[in-house]
PDB file of all heavy atoms in Angstrom:
ATOM      1  N   LEU A   1       0.824  -1.204   0.000  1.00  0.00           N
ATOM      2  CA  LEU A   1       0.003  -0.002   0.002  1.00  0.00           C
ATOM      3  C   LEU A   1       0.855   1.267  -0.001  1.00  0.00           C
ATOM      4  O   LEU A   1       0.557   2.243  -0.698  1.00  0.00           O
ATOM      5  CB  LEU A   1      -0.932  -0.002   1.206  1.00  0.00           C
ATOM      6  CG  LEU A   1      -2.102  -0.991   1.133  1.00  0.00           C
ATOM      7  CD1 LEU A   1      -2.692  -1.248   2.510  1.00  0.00           C
ATOM      8  CD2 LEU A   1      -3.180  -0.463   0.179  1.00  0.00           C
ATOM      9  N   ALA A   2       1.923   1.254   0.770  1.00  0.00           N
ATOM     10  CA  ALA A   2       2.812   2.429   0.812  1.00  0.00           C
ATOM     11  C   ALA A   2       3.416   2.695  -0.553  1.00  0.00           C
ATOM     12  O   ALA A   2       3.501   3.844  -1.001  1.00  0.00           O
ATOM     13  CB  ALA A   2       3.913   2.212   1.856  1.00  0.00           C
ATOM     14  N   GLU A   3       3.822   1.638  -1.226  1.00  0.00           N
ATOM     15  CA  GLU A   3       4.409   1.803  -2.548  1.00  0.00           C
ATOM     16  C   GLU A   3       3.363   2.298  -3.547  1.00  0.00           C
ATOM     17  O   GLU A   3       3.653   3.172  -4.385  1.00  0.00           O
ATOM     18  CB  GLU A   3       4.988   0.459  -3.022  1.00  0.00           C
ATOM     19  CG  GLU A   3       5.642   0.506  -4.411  1.00  0.00           C
ATOM     20  CD  GLU A   3       6.837   1.433  -4.468  1.00  0.00           C
ATOM     21  OE1 GLU A   3       7.522   1.598  -3.428  1.00  0.00           O
ATOM     22  OE2 GLU A   3       7.107   2.000  -5.545  1.00  0.00           O
ATOM     23  N   ALA A   4       2.156   1.801  -3.460  1.00  0.00           N
ATOM     24  CA  ALA A   4       1.104   2.170  -4.417  1.00  0.00           C
ATOM     25  C   ALA A   4       0.663   3.625  -4.228  1.00  0.00           C
ATOM     26  O   ALA A   4       0.398   4.314  -5.198  1.00  0.00           O
ATOM     27  CB  ALA A   4      -0.099   1.236  -4.273  1.00  0.00           C
ATOM     28  N   LEU A   5       0.578   4.070  -2.985  1.00  0.00           N
ATOM     29  CA  LEU A   5       0.048   5.406  -2.691  1.00  0.00           C
ATOM     30  C   LEU A   5       1.138   6.478  -2.621  1.00  0.00           C
ATOM     31  O   LEU A   5       0.845   7.629  -2.311  1.00  0.00           O
ATOM     32  CB  LEU A   5      -0.743   5.384  -1.394  1.00  0.00           C
ATOM     33  CG  LEU A   5      -1.991   4.484  -1.389  1.00  0.00           C
ATOM     34  CD1 LEU A   5      -2.642   4.452  -0.011  1.00  0.00           C
ATOM     35  CD2 LEU A   5      -3.001   4.941  -2.442  1.00  0.00           C
ATOM     36  N   ARG A   6       2.370   6.087  -2.915  1.00  0.00           N
ATOM     37  CA  ARG A   6       3.482   7.033  -2.886  1.00  0.00           C
ATOM     38  C   ARG A   6       3.205   8.217  -3.828  1.00  0.00           C
ATOM     39  O   ARG A   6       2.816   8.024  -4.983  1.00  0.00           O
ATOM     40  CB  ARG A   6       4.755   6.325  -3.343  1.00  0.00           C
ATOM     41  CG  ARG A   6       5.997   7.206  -3.375  1.00  0.00           C
ATOM     42  CD  ARG A   6       7.103   6.513  -4.176  1.00  0.00           C
ATOM     43  NE  ARG A   6       7.448   5.226  -3.596  1.00  0.00           N
ATOM     44  CZ  ARG A   6       8.395   5.057  -2.683  1.00  0.00           C
ATOM     45  NH1 ARG A   6       9.076   6.104  -2.262  1.00  0.00           N
ATOM     46  NH2 ARG A   6       8.675   3.867  -2.220  1.00  0.00           N
ATOM     47  N   PRO A   7       3.374   9.458  -3.358  1.00  0.00           N
ATOM     48  CA  PRO A   7       3.114  10.607  -4.235  1.00  0.00           C
ATOM     49  C   PRO A   7       4.139  10.699  -5.364  1.00  0.00           C
ATOM     50  O   PRO A   7       5.264  10.198  -5.251  1.00  0.00           O
ATOM     51  CB  PRO A   7       3.239  11.816  -3.289  1.00  0.00           C
ATOM     52  CG  PRO A   7       4.041  11.324  -2.136  1.00  0.00           C
ATOM     53  CD  PRO A   7       3.753   9.872  -1.986  1.00  0.00           C
ATOM     54  N   ILE A   8       3.725  11.332  -6.443  1.00  0.00           N
ATOM     55  CA  ILE A   8       4.587  11.525  -7.613  1.00  0.00           C
ATOM     56  C   ILE A   8       5.028  12.986  -7.630  1.00  0.00           C
ATOM     57  O   ILE A   8       4.190  13.891  -7.663  1.00  0.00           O
ATOM     58  CB  ILE A   8       3.857  11.159  -8.902  1.00  0.00           C
ATOM     59  CG1 ILE A   8       3.374   9.700  -8.841  1.00  0.00           C
ATOM     60  CG2 ILE A   8       4.740  11.379 -10.125  1.00  0.00           C
ATOM     61  CD1 ILE A   8       2.386   9.350  -9.955  1.00  0.00           C
ATOM     62  N   PHE A   9       6.332  13.218  -7.602  1.00  0.00           N
ATOM     63  CA  PHE A   9       6.878  14.575  -7.569  1.00  0.00           C
ATOM     64  C   PHE A   9       7.521  14.918  -8.897  1.00  0.00           C
ATOM     65  O   PHE A   9       8.218  14.096  -9.498  1.00  0.00           O
ATOM     66  CB  PHE A   9       7.929  14.702  -6.462  1.00  0.00           C
ATOM     67  CG  PHE A   9       7.387  14.481  -5.075  1.00  0.00           C
ATOM     68  CD1 PHE A   9       7.573  13.275  -4.424  1.00  0.00           C
ATOM     69  CD2 PHE A   9       6.678  15.471  -4.419  1.00  0.00           C
ATOM     70  CE1 PHE A   9       7.082  13.058  -3.156  1.00  0.00           C
ATOM     71  CE2 PHE A   9       6.177  15.280  -3.148  1.00  0.00           C
ATOM     72  CZ  PHE A   9       6.378  14.063  -2.509  1.00  0.00           C
ATOM     73  N   GLU A  10       7.287  16.149  -9.342  1.00  0.00           N
ATOM     74  CA  GLU A  10       7.900  16.651 -10.574  1.00  0.00           C
ATOM     75  C   GLU A  10       8.656  17.940 -10.255  1.00  0.00           C
ATOM     76  O   GLU A  10       8.093  18.873  -9.686  1.00  0.00           O
ATOM     77  CB  GLU A  10       6.828  16.899 -11.631  1.00  0.00           C
ATOM     78  CG  GLU A  10       7.378  17.408 -12.959  1.00  0.00           C
ATOM     79  CD  GLU A  10       6.292  17.694 -13.977  1.00  0.00           C
ATOM     80  OE1 GLU A  10       5.190  17.092 -13.843  1.00  0.00           O
ATOM     81  OE2 GLU A  10       6.522  18.520 -14.886  1.00  0.00           O
ATOM     82  N   TYR A  11       9.932  17.951 -10.627  1.00  0.00           N
ATOM     83  CA  TYR A  11      10.779  19.108 -10.353  1.00  0.00           C
ATOM     84  C   TYR A  11      11.193  19.766 -11.667  1.00  0.00           C
ATOM     85  O   TYR A  11      11.238  19.116 -12.724  1.00  0.00           O
ATOM     86  CB  TYR A  11      12.036  18.703  -9.589  1.00  0.00           C
ATOM     87  CG  TYR A  11      11.804  18.390  -8.128  1.00  0.00           C
ATOM     88  CD1 TYR A  11      11.402  17.127  -7.706  1.00  0.00           C
ATOM     89  CD2 TYR A  11      12.003  19.368  -7.159  1.00  0.00           C
ATOM     90  CE1 TYR A  11      11.207  16.848  -6.365  1.00  0.00           C
ATOM     91  CE2 TYR A  11      11.816  19.092  -5.810  1.00  0.00           C
ATOM     92  CZ  TYR A  11      11.415  17.828  -5.416  1.00  0.00           C
ATOM     93  OH  TYR A  11      11.213  17.559  -4.094  1.00  0.00           O
ATOM     94  N   GLU A  12      11.503  21.044 -11.586  1.00  0.00           N
ATOM     95  CA  GLU A  12      12.085  21.774 -12.704  1.00  0.00           C
ATOM     96  C   GLU A  12      13.349  22.483 -12.230  1.00  0.00           C
ATOM     97  O   GLU A  12      13.418  22.956 -11.080  1.00  0.00           O
ATOM     98  CB  GLU A  12      11.116  22.824 -13.247  1.00  0.00           C
ATOM     99  CG  GLU A  12      10.012  22.291 -14.130  1.00  0.00           C
ATOM    100  CD  GLU A  12       9.130  23.396 -14.664  1.00  0.00           C
ATOM    101  OE1 GLU A  12       9.390  24.583 -14.358  1.00  0.00           O
ATOM    102  OE2 GLU A  12       8.177  23.087 -15.423  1.00  0.00           O
ATOM    103  N   THR A  13      14.319  22.558 -13.123  1.00  0.00           N
ATOM    104  CA  THR A  13      15.555  23.284 -12.820  1.00  0.00           C
ATOM    105  C   THR A  13      15.470  24.681 -13.429  1.00  0.00           C
ATOM    106  O   THR A  13      15.197  24.821 -14.616  1.00  0.00           O
ATOM    107  CB  THR A  13      16.779  22.547 -13.371  1.00  0.00           C
ATOM    108  OG1 THR A  13      16.852  21.239 -12.759  1.00  0.00           O
ATOM    109  CG2 THR A  13      18.061  23.304 -13.074  1.00  0.00           C
ATOM    110  N   HIS A  14      15.687  25.678 -12.602  1.00  0.00           N
ATOM    111  CA  HIS A  14      15.659  27.065 -13.056  1.00  0.00           C
ATOM    112  C   HIS A  14      17.039  27.695 -12.884  1.00  0.00           C
ATOM    113  O   HIS A  14      17.688  27.503 -11.852  1.00  0.00           O
ATOM    114  CB  HIS A  14      14.596  27.856 -12.300  1.00  0.00           C
ATOM    115  CG  HIS A  14      13.209  27.469 -12.646  1.00  0.00           C
ATOM    116  ND1 HIS A  14      12.433  28.196 -13.527  1.00  0.00           N
ATOM    117  CD2 HIS A  14      12.457  26.408 -12.260  1.00  0.00           C
ATOM    118  CE1 HIS A  14      11.258  27.602 -13.664  1.00  0.00           C
ATOM    119  NE2 HIS A  14      11.233  26.525 -12.900  1.00  0.00           N
ATOM    120  N   LYS A  15      17.467  28.423 -13.897  1.00  0.00           N
ATOM    121  CA  LYS A  15      18.792  29.030 -13.876  1.00  0.00           C
ATOM    122  C   LYS A  15      18.699  30.490 -13.433  1.00  0.00           C
ATOM    123  O   LYS A  15      17.840  31.232 -13.881  1.00  0.00           O
ATOM    124  CB  LYS A  15      19.431  28.935 -15.268  1.00  0.00           C
ATOM    125  CG  LYS A  15      19.682  27.502 -15.705  1.00  0.00           C
ATOM    126  CD  LYS A  15      20.366  27.450 -17.072  1.00  0.00           C
ATOM    127  CE  LYS A  15      20.640  26.014 -17.490  1.00  0.00           C
ATOM    128  NZ  LYS A  15      21.318  25.941 -18.802  1.00  0.00           N
ATOM    129  N   GLY A  16      19.591  30.865 -12.562  1.00  0.00           N
ATOM    130  CA  GLY A  16      19.661  32.240 -12.097  1.00  0.00           C
ATOM    131  C   GLY A  16      21.103  32.714 -12.084  1.00  0.00           C
ATOM    132  O   GLY A  16      22.038  31.949 -12.363  1.00  0.00           O
ATOM    133  N   GLU A  17      21.273  33.967 -11.752  1.00  0.00           N
ATOM    134  CA  GLU A  17      22.627  34.515 -11.677  1.00  0.00           C
ATOM    135  C   GLU A  17      22.671  35.639 -10.660  1.00  0.00           C
ATOM    136  O   GLU A  17      21.668  36.297 -10.362  1.00  0.00           O
ATOM    137  CB  GLU A  17      23.102  35.013 -13.035  1.00  0.00           C
ATOM    138  CG  GLU A  17      22.286  36.149 -13.618  1.00  0.00           C
ATOM    139  CD  GLU A  17      22.780  36.590 -14.983  1.00  0.00           C
ATOM    140  OE1 GLU A  17      23.276  35.740 -15.737  1.00  0.00           O
ATOM    141  OE2 GLU A  17      22.663  37.800 -15.287  1.00  0.00           O
ATOM    142  N   THR A  18      23.870  35.821 -10.112  1.00  0.00           N
ATOM    143  CA  THR A  18      24.145  36.947  -9.221  1.00  0.00           C
ATOM    144  C   THR A  18      25.165  37.858  -9.916  1.00  0.00           C
ATOM    145  O   THR A  18      26.222  37.404 -10.357  1.00  0.00           O
ATOM    146  CB  THR A  18      24.722  36.459  -7.882  1.00  0.00           C
ATOM    147  OG1 THR A  18      23.758  35.630  -7.224  1.00  0.00           O
ATOM    148  CG2 THR A  18      25.067  37.637  -6.975  1.00  0.00           C
ATOM    149  N   GLU A  19      24.799  39.117 -10.028  1.00  0.00           N
ATOM    150  CA  GLU A  19      25.685  40.100 -10.656  1.00  0.00           C
ATOM    151  C   GLU A  19      26.320  40.940  -9.547  1.00  0.00           C
ATOM    152  O   GLU A  19      25.610  41.532  -8.719  1.00  0.00           O
ATOM    153  CB  GLU A  19      24.916  40.998 -11.608  1.00  0.00           C
ATOM    154  CG  GLU A  19      25.798  42.018 -12.302  1.00  0.00           C
ATOM    155  CD  GLU A  19      25.018  42.908 -13.250  1.00  0.00           C
ATOM    156  OE1 GLU A  19      23.784  42.726 -13.358  1.00  0.00           O
ATOM    157  OE2 GLU A  19      25.631  43.773 -13.912  1.00  0.00           O
ATOM    158  N   THR A  20      27.651  40.980  -9.529  1.00  0.00           N
ATOM    159  CA  THR A  20      28.375  41.742  -8.519  1.00  0.00           C
ATOM    160  C   THR A  20      29.264  42.782  -9.208  1.00  0.00           C
ATOM    161  O   THR A  20      30.075  42.455 -10.064  1.00  0.00           O
ATOM    162  CB  THR A  20      29.262  40.815  -7.659  1.00  0.00           C
ATOM    163  OG1 THR A  20      28.447  39.818  -7.064  1.00  0.00           O
ATOM    164  CG2 THR A  20      29.974  41.615  -6.559  1.00  0.00           C
ATOM    165  N   ILE A  21      29.075  44.049  -8.839  1.00  0.00           N
ATOM    166  CA  ILE A  21      29.851  45.155  -9.401  1.00  0.00           C
ATOM    167  C   ILE A  21      30.714  45.737  -8.288  1.00  0.00           C
ATOM    168  O   ILE A  21      30.194  46.175  -7.248  1.00  0.00           O
ATOM    169  CB  ILE A  21      28.950  46.250  -9.990  1.00  0.00           C
ATOM    170  CG1 ILE A  21      28.061  45.669 -11.111  1.00  0.00           C
ATOM    171  CG2 ILE A  21      29.784  47.403 -10.533  1.00  0.00           C
ATOM    172  CD1 ILE A  21      27.055  46.642 -11.664  1.00  0.00           C
ATOM    173  N   THR A  22      32.000  45.678  -8.487  1.00  0.00           N
ATOM    174  CA  THR A  22      32.952  46.191  -7.501  1.00  0.00           C
ATOM    175  C   THR A  22      33.577  47.485  -8.017  1.00  0.00           C
ATOM    176  O   THR A  22      34.173  47.505  -9.103  1.00  0.00           O
ATOM    177  CB  THR A  22      34.042  45.151  -7.196  1.00  0.00           C
ATOM    178  OG1 THR A  22      33.414  43.927  -6.768  1.00  0.00           O
ATOM    179  CG2 THR A  22      34.975  45.649  -6.108  1.00  0.00           C
ATOM    180  N   ARG A  23      33.421  48.543  -7.235  1.00  0.00           N
ATOM    181  CA  ARG A  23      33.961  49.853  -7.611  1.00  0.00           C
ATOM    182  C   ARG A  23      35.026  50.250  -6.583  1.00  0.00           C
ATOM    183  O   ARG A  23      34.746  50.380  -5.396  1.00  0.00           O
ATOM    184  CB  ARG A  23      32.843  50.895  -7.662  1.00  0.00           C
ATOM    185  CG  ARG A  23      33.277  52.286  -8.131  1.00  0.00           C
ATOM    186  CD  ARG A  23      32.048  53.193  -8.150  1.00  0.00           C
ATOM    187  NE  ARG A  23      32.372  54.561  -8.523  1.00  0.00           N
ATOM    188  CZ  ARG A  23      32.478  54.998  -9.787  1.00  0.00           C
ATOM    189  NH1 ARG A  23      32.284  54.139 -10.791  1.00  0.00           N
ATOM    190  NH2 ARG A  23      32.779  56.256 -10.042  1.00  0.00           N
ATOM    191  N   THR A  24      36.254  50.437  -7.072  1.00  0.00           N
ATOM    192  CA  THR A  24      37.368  50.791  -6.204  1.00  0.00           C
ATOM    193  C   THR A  24      37.818  52.217  -6.509  1.00  0.00           C
ATOM    194  O   THR A  24      38.108  52.549  -7.661  1.00  0.00           O
ATOM    195  CB  THR A  24      38.550  49.823  -6.412  1.00  0.00           C
ATOM    196  OG1 THR A  24      38.090  48.477  -6.205  1.00  0.00           O
ATOM    197  CG2 THR A  24      39.680  50.124  -5.443  1.00  0.00           C
ATOM    198  N   CYS A  25      37.875  53.086  -5.487  1.00  0.00           N
ATOM    199  CA  CYS A  25      38.197  54.504  -5.684  1.00  0.00           C
ATOM    200  C   CYS A  25      39.260  54.946  -4.679  1.00  0.00           C
ATOM    201  O   CYS A  25      39.347  54.446  -3.548  1.00  0.00           O
ATOM    202  CB  CYS A  25      36.955  55.371  -5.500  1.00  0.00           C
ATOM    203  SG  CYS A  25      35.617  55.005  -6.678  1.00  0.00           S
ATOM    204  N   THR A  26      40.031  55.949  -5.131  1.00  0.00           N
ATOM    205  CA  THR A  26      40.983  56.608  -4.242  1.00  0.00           C
ATOM    206  C   THR A  26      40.495  58.029  -3.960  1.00  0.00           C
ATOM    207  O   THR A  26      39.567  58.512  -4.585  1.00  0.00           O
ATOM    208  CB  THR A  26      42.383  56.651  -4.889  1.00  0.00           C
ATOM    209  OG1 THR A  26      42.297  57.341  -6.135  1.00  0.00           O
ATOM    210  CG2 THR A  26      42.899  55.239  -5.130  1.00  0.00           C
ATOM    211  N   ILE A  27      41.196  58.703  -3.051  1.00  0.00           N
ATOM    212  CA  ILE A  27      40.733  60.002  -2.601  1.00  0.00           C
ATOM    213  C   ILE A  27      40.738  61.050  -3.683  1.00  0.00           C
ATOM    214  O   ILE A  27      39.965  62.022  -3.676  1.00  0.00           O
ATOM    215  CB  ILE A  27      41.603  60.488  -1.406  1.00  0.00           C
ATOM    216  CG1 ILE A  27      40.904  61.648  -0.675  1.00  0.00           C
ATOM    217  CG2 ILE A  27      43.001  60.869  -1.876  1.00  0.00           C
ATOM    218  CD1 ILE A  27      39.664  61.233   0.022  1.00  0.00           C
ATOM    219  N   ASP A  28      41.616  60.850  -4.715  1.00  0.00           N
ATOM    220  CA  ASP A  28      41.683  61.853  -5.776  1.00  0.00           C
ATOM    221  C   ASP A  28      40.586  61.664  -6.816  1.00  0.00           C
ATOM    222  O   ASP A  28      40.528  62.372  -7.821  1.00  0.00           O
ATOM    223  CB  ASP A  28      43.059  61.860  -6.435  1.00  0.00           C
ATOM    224  CG  ASP A  28      43.347  60.530  -7.146  1.00  0.00           C
ATOM    225  OD1 ASP A  28      42.466  59.653  -7.132  1.00  0.00           O
ATOM    226  OD2 ASP A  28      44.443  60.380  -7.715  1.00  0.00           O
ATOM    227  N   GLY A  29      39.724  60.672  -6.611  1.00  0.00           N
ATOM    228  CA  GLY A  29      38.589  60.462  -7.506  1.00  0.00           C
ATOM    229  C   GLY A  29      38.813  59.464  -8.595  1.00  0.00           C
ATOM    230  O   GLY A  29      37.914  59.159  -9.388  1.00  0.00           O
ATOM    231  N   GLY A  30      39.977  58.906  -8.655  1.00  0.00           N
ATOM    232  CA  GLY A  30      40.193  57.875  -9.664  1.00  0.00           C
ATOM    233  C   GLY A  30      39.534  56.568  -9.260  1.00  0.00           C
ATOM    234  O   GLY A  30      39.718  56.091  -8.149  1.00  0.00           O
ATOM    235  N   CYS A  31      38.731  56.018 -10.151  1.00  0.00           N
ATOM    236  CA  CYS A  31      37.964  54.794  -9.829  1.00  0.00           C
ATOM    237  C   CYS A  31      38.120  53.757 -10.921  1.00  0.00           C
ATOM    238  O   CYS A  31      38.272  54.104 -12.105  1.00  0.00           O
ATOM    239  CB  CYS A  31      36.499  55.111  -9.631  1.00  0.00           C
ATOM    240  SG  CYS A  31      36.123  56.212  -8.261  1.00  0.00           S
ATOM    241  N   THR A  32      38.058  52.511 -10.515  1.00  0.00           N
ATOM    242  CA  THR A  32      37.981  51.395 -11.466  1.00  0.00           C
ATOM    243  C   THR A  32      36.771  50.549 -11.086  1.00  0.00           C
ATOM    244  O   THR A  32      36.352  50.516  -9.910  1.00  0.00           O
ATOM    245  CB  THR A  32      39.249  50.530 -11.436  1.00  0.00           C
ATOM    246  OG1 THR A  32      39.438  50.004 -10.122  1.00  0.00           O
ATOM    247  CG2 THR A  32      40.471  51.357 -11.852  1.00  0.00           C
ATOM    248  N   GLU A  33      36.220  49.870 -12.065  1.00  0.00           N
ATOM    249  CA  GLU A  33      35.003  49.096 -11.831  1.00  0.00           C
ATOM    250  C   GLU A  33      35.109  47.742 -12.539  1.00  0.00           C
ATOM    251  O   GLU A  33      35.562  47.680 -13.678  1.00  0.00           O
ATOM    252  CB  GLU A  33      33.793  49.876 -12.325  1.00  0.00           C
ATOM    253  CG  GLU A  33      32.463  49.320 -11.857  1.00  0.00           C
ATOM    254  CD  GLU A  33      31.302  50.267 -12.194  1.00  0.00           C
ATOM    255  OE1 GLU A  33      31.020  51.180 -11.393  1.00  0.00           O
ATOM    256  OE2 GLU A  33      30.722  50.090 -13.292  1.00  0.00           O
ATOM    257  N   SER A  34      34.699  46.707 -11.841  1.00  0.00           N
ATOM    258  CA  SER A  34      34.698  45.356 -12.434  1.00  0.00           C
ATOM    259  C   SER A  34      33.359  44.689 -12.162  1.00  0.00           C
ATOM    260  O   SER A  34      32.705  44.954 -11.145  1.00  0.00           O
ATOM    261  CB  SER A  34      35.826  44.515 -11.866  1.00  0.00           C
ATOM    262  OG  SER A  34      35.671  44.317 -10.470  1.00  0.00           O
TER     263      SER A  34
END
C-alpha cells in the first residue's frame, strides 16, 4: 500500500545569476569598476 500510494513529484531546474559590481576609488577620484 505504501508503494502504491506514494506521491509523484515533478521538479524543474531554473537558472539564475548573481551580478556583482565592485567599484574601487581613491581620494583623488580615480575609480575602477569590475
